[in-house]
Amino acid sequence: MDNTISIISKNEGERLAVAGGNYRIIISGEQTNGNYAVIEMIVPPGGGPPPHAHPDTQEMFHVLEGELEFKTEAGKQLVAQDGFINIPFGGAVHCFKNTSKNYARLLCTVVPAGLENLFHEIGIPVKAGEFLPVPELTEKRKEFLKEMDWKYGQRTYAPDYLG
């Protein structure tokens, strides 16, 4: 096992357009022996993923800047700067949306790693500060996303699933 310390600058890491946001893979499972991955997510106003669940992945978010509306089957809550969200193993359905007029910046950690590979497959490479519209949900795109859900042990729900 490699015990070399990793120091990653703010300019390093692959950036991907995912769910309307700009996601930077800070450290991937490839670099952590599959133990975890850390992703910086910059979410523009109106951005965020649809309701989804991944039973075999624990996901944690630390809101570094801004705020967003976080929804679960238990309801919705506004999470502001310095708030923390923990989604334990087991498959709780969740999503978030930036309902403010400002960008939100989150630090997302996933255990074990793997979700970053889903982002690689569904995302489009972008530069820092670049935001692309969410791709049109054509039948071909729906089928592709369904395949990605299956491949990565995730389930995506209709946008109105959590009300």
Protein backbone atom coordinates (compact mmCIF):
# COMPACT_ATOMS: atom_id res chain seq x y z
CA MET A 1 0.00 0.00 0.00
CA ASP A 2 1.26 3.45 -0.92
CA ASN A 3 1.67 5.68 2.13
CA THR A 4 2.71 8.80 0.22
CA ILE A 5 0.99 11.98 1.37
CA SER A 6 -1.02 13.72 -1.34
CA ILE A 7 -1.16 17.50 -1.53
CA ILE A 8 -3.51 18.76 -4.20
CA SER A 9 -3.67 22.43 -5.18
CA LYS A 10 -6.89 24.29 -5.92
CA ASN A 11 -6.05 24.17 -9.63
CA GLU A 12 -5.57 20.40 -9.80
CA GLY A 13 -8.19 17.75 -10.48
CA GLU A 14 -10.40 16.99 -13.41
CA ARG A 15 -13.43 19.28 -13.82
CA LEU A 16 -16.70 17.93 -15.19
CA ALA A 17 -20.08 19.41 -16.04
CA VAL A 18 -22.56 17.29 -14.06
CA ALA A 19 -26.22 18.10 -13.25
CA GLY A 20 -25.69 21.74 -14.24
CA GLY A 21 -22.72 22.10 -11.89
CA ASN A 22 -18.94 22.20 -12.18
CA TYR A 23 -17.52 19.18 -10.31
CA ARG A 24 -13.79 18.88 -9.59
CA ILE A 25 -12.47 15.44 -8.70
CA ILE A 26 -10.01 16.44 -5.98
CA ILE A 27 -8.90 12.90 -5.18
CA SER A 28 -10.22 9.75 -6.82
CA GLY A 29 -10.49 6.16 -5.77
CA GLU A 30 -7.61 5.43 -8.11
CA GLN A 31 -5.47 7.55 -5.77
CA THR A 32 -6.93 6.15 -2.51
CA ASN A 33 -6.93 2.44 -3.28
CA GLY A 34 -10.70 2.66 -3.71
CA ASN A 35 -11.28 3.73 -0.11
CA TYR A 36 -12.84 7.14 -0.79
CA ALA A 37 -13.07 10.03 -3.23
CA VAL A 38 -13.49 13.76 -2.66
CA ILE A 39 -15.30 15.99 -5.13
CA GLU A 40 -15.73 19.77 -5.04
CA MET A 41 -19.14 20.69 -6.42
CA ILE A 42 -19.93 24.23 -7.55
CA VAL A 43 -23.67 24.44 -8.07
CA PRO A 44 -25.19 27.41 -9.90
CA PRO A 45 -28.61 28.84 -9.03
CA GLY A 46 -31.21 26.25 -10.05
CA GLY A 47 -28.62 23.47 -10.29
CA GLY A 48 -28.56 20.10 -8.56
CA PRO A 49 -29.14 16.41 -9.27
CA PRO A 50 -32.52 14.65 -9.46
CA PRO A 51 -33.62 12.41 -6.56
CA HIS A 52 -31.40 9.36 -6.38
CA ALA A 53 -30.11 6.66 -4.04
CA HIS A 54 -26.92 4.60 -3.84
CA PRO A 55 -27.22 1.92 -1.12
CA ASP A 56 -23.57 0.84 -1.20
CA THR A 57 -22.09 4.34 -0.94
CA GLN A 58 -21.95 6.66 2.05
CA GLU A 59 -21.96 10.28 0.88
CA MET A 60 -21.10 13.34 2.94
CA PHE A 61 -21.45 17.00 1.99
CA HIS A 62 -19.92 20.02 3.70
CA VAL A 63 -21.39 23.29 2.43
CA LEU A 64 -18.40 25.60 2.01
CA GLU A 65 -20.21 28.55 0.44
CA GLY A 66 -23.82 29.45 -0.27
CA GLU A 67 -26.85 27.38 0.58
CA LEU A 68 -29.10 24.77 -0.96
CA GLU A 69 -32.36 23.01 -0.40
CA PHE A 70 -31.73 19.41 0.56
CA LYS A 71 -34.61 16.94 0.13
CA THR A 72 -35.11 13.46 1.54
CA GLU A 73 -38.17 11.28 2.06
CA ALA A 74 -38.45 12.92 5.50
CA GLY A 75 -38.85 16.40 3.99
CA LYS A 76 -36.73 19.31 2.91
CA GLN A 77 -34.35 21.58 4.72
CA LEU A 78 -32.24 24.58 3.80
CA VAL A 79 -28.56 23.88 4.44
CA ALA A 80 -26.34 26.98 4.59
CA GLN A 81 -22.60 27.63 4.73
CA ASP A 82 -20.76 25.32 7.15
CA GLY A 83 -23.73 22.91 7.26
CA PHE A 84 -23.00 19.20 6.91
CA ILE A 85 -25.07 16.38 5.43
CA ASN A 86 -24.40 12.68 5.99
CA ILE A 87 -26.11 10.08 3.83
CA PRO A 88 -25.33 6.69 5.40
CA PHE A 89 -25.12 3.39 3.61
CA GLY A 90 -28.53 1.91 2.87
CA GLY A 91 -30.01 3.80 -0.02
CA ALA A 92 -31.87 6.81 1.37
CA VAL A 93 -33.36 8.81 -1.51
CA HIS A 94 -31.98 12.35 -1.63
CA CYS A 95 -31.32 15.34 -3.85
CA PHE A 96 -30.39 18.97 -3.55
CA LYS A 97 -31.07 22.13 -5.46
CA ASN A 98 -29.53 25.55 -5.27
CA THR A 99 -32.65 27.67 -4.71
CA SER A 100 -30.66 30.86 -4.05
CA LYS A 101 -29.40 33.52 -6.45
CA ASN A 102 -25.74 32.75 -5.62
CA TYR A 103 -23.43 29.85 -6.40
CA ALA A 104 -23.05 27.15 -3.76
CA ARG A 105 -19.81 25.25 -3.20
CA LEU A 106 -19.82 21.82 -1.56
CA LEU A 107 -17.17 19.35 -0.58
CA CYS A 108 -18.51 15.85 -1.24
CA THR A 109 -16.80 12.75 0.15
CA VAL A 110 -17.90 9.27 -0.93
CA VAL A 111 -17.00 6.00 0.81
CA PRO A 112 -16.01 3.77 -0.85
CA ALA A 113 -14.84 5.54 -3.98
CA GLY A 114 -16.72 4.97 -7.22
CA LEU A 115 -19.24 7.77 -7.60
CA GLU A 116 -16.53 9.89 -9.21
CA ASN A 117 -16.35 7.28 -11.99
CA LEU A 118 -20.06 7.77 -12.64
CA PHE A 119 -19.37 11.50 -12.92
CA HIS A 120 -16.59 10.76 -15.44
CA GLU A 121 -19.02 8.80 -17.60
CA ILE A 122 -21.99 11.16 -17.49
CA GLY A 123 -20.07 14.44 -17.26
CA ILE A 124 -18.43 16.61 -19.88
CA PRO A 125 -14.92 18.02 -19.29
CA VAL A 126 -15.01 21.77 -18.50
CA LYS A 127 -12.70 24.52 -17.31
CA ALA A 128 -12.85 26.23 -13.91
CA GLY A 129 -15.88 28.51 -13.81
CA GLU A 130 -17.48 26.93 -16.87
CA PHE A 131 -21.08 25.74 -16.55
CA LEU A 132 -22.93 23.81 -19.23
CA PRO A 133 -26.69 23.32 -19.45
CA VAL A 134 -28.01 19.93 -18.36
CA PRO A 135 -28.13 17.71 -21.47
CA GLU A 136 -31.59 17.28 -22.99
CA LEU A 137 -33.34 14.18 -21.63
CA THR A 138 -33.83 12.38 -24.94
CA GLU A 139 -34.78 8.69 -25.05
CA LYS A 140 -31.15 7.89 -25.88
CA ARG A 141 -29.94 9.93 -22.86
CA LYS A 142 -32.54 8.26 -20.57
CA GLU A 143 -31.32 4.82 -21.67
CA PHE A 144 -27.69 5.84 -21.15
CA LEU A 145 -28.44 7.16 -17.63
CA LYS A 146 -30.34 3.97 -16.79
CA GLU A 147 -27.29 1.93 -17.86
CA MET A 148 -25.04 4.15 -15.71
CA ASP A 149 -27.34 3.69 -12.70
CA TRP A 150 -27.15 -0.06 -13.10
CA LYS A 151 -23.36 -0.03 -13.61
CA TYR A 152 -22.74 2.09 -10.48
CA GLY A 153 -25.42 0.65 -8.16
CA GLN A 154 -27.51 3.80 -8.16
CA ARG A 155 -31.19 4.42 -8.69
CA THR A 156 -32.51 7.69 -10.08
CA TYR A 157 -36.09 8.80 -9.49
CA ALA A 158 -38.43 11.21 -11.29
CA PRO A 159 -37.68 14.90 -10.56
CA ASP A 160 -40.92 15.25 -8.55
CA TYR A 161 -40.38 12.04 -6.50
CA LEU A 162 -39.59 13.95 -3.30
CA GLY A 163 -42.38 16.50 -3.80
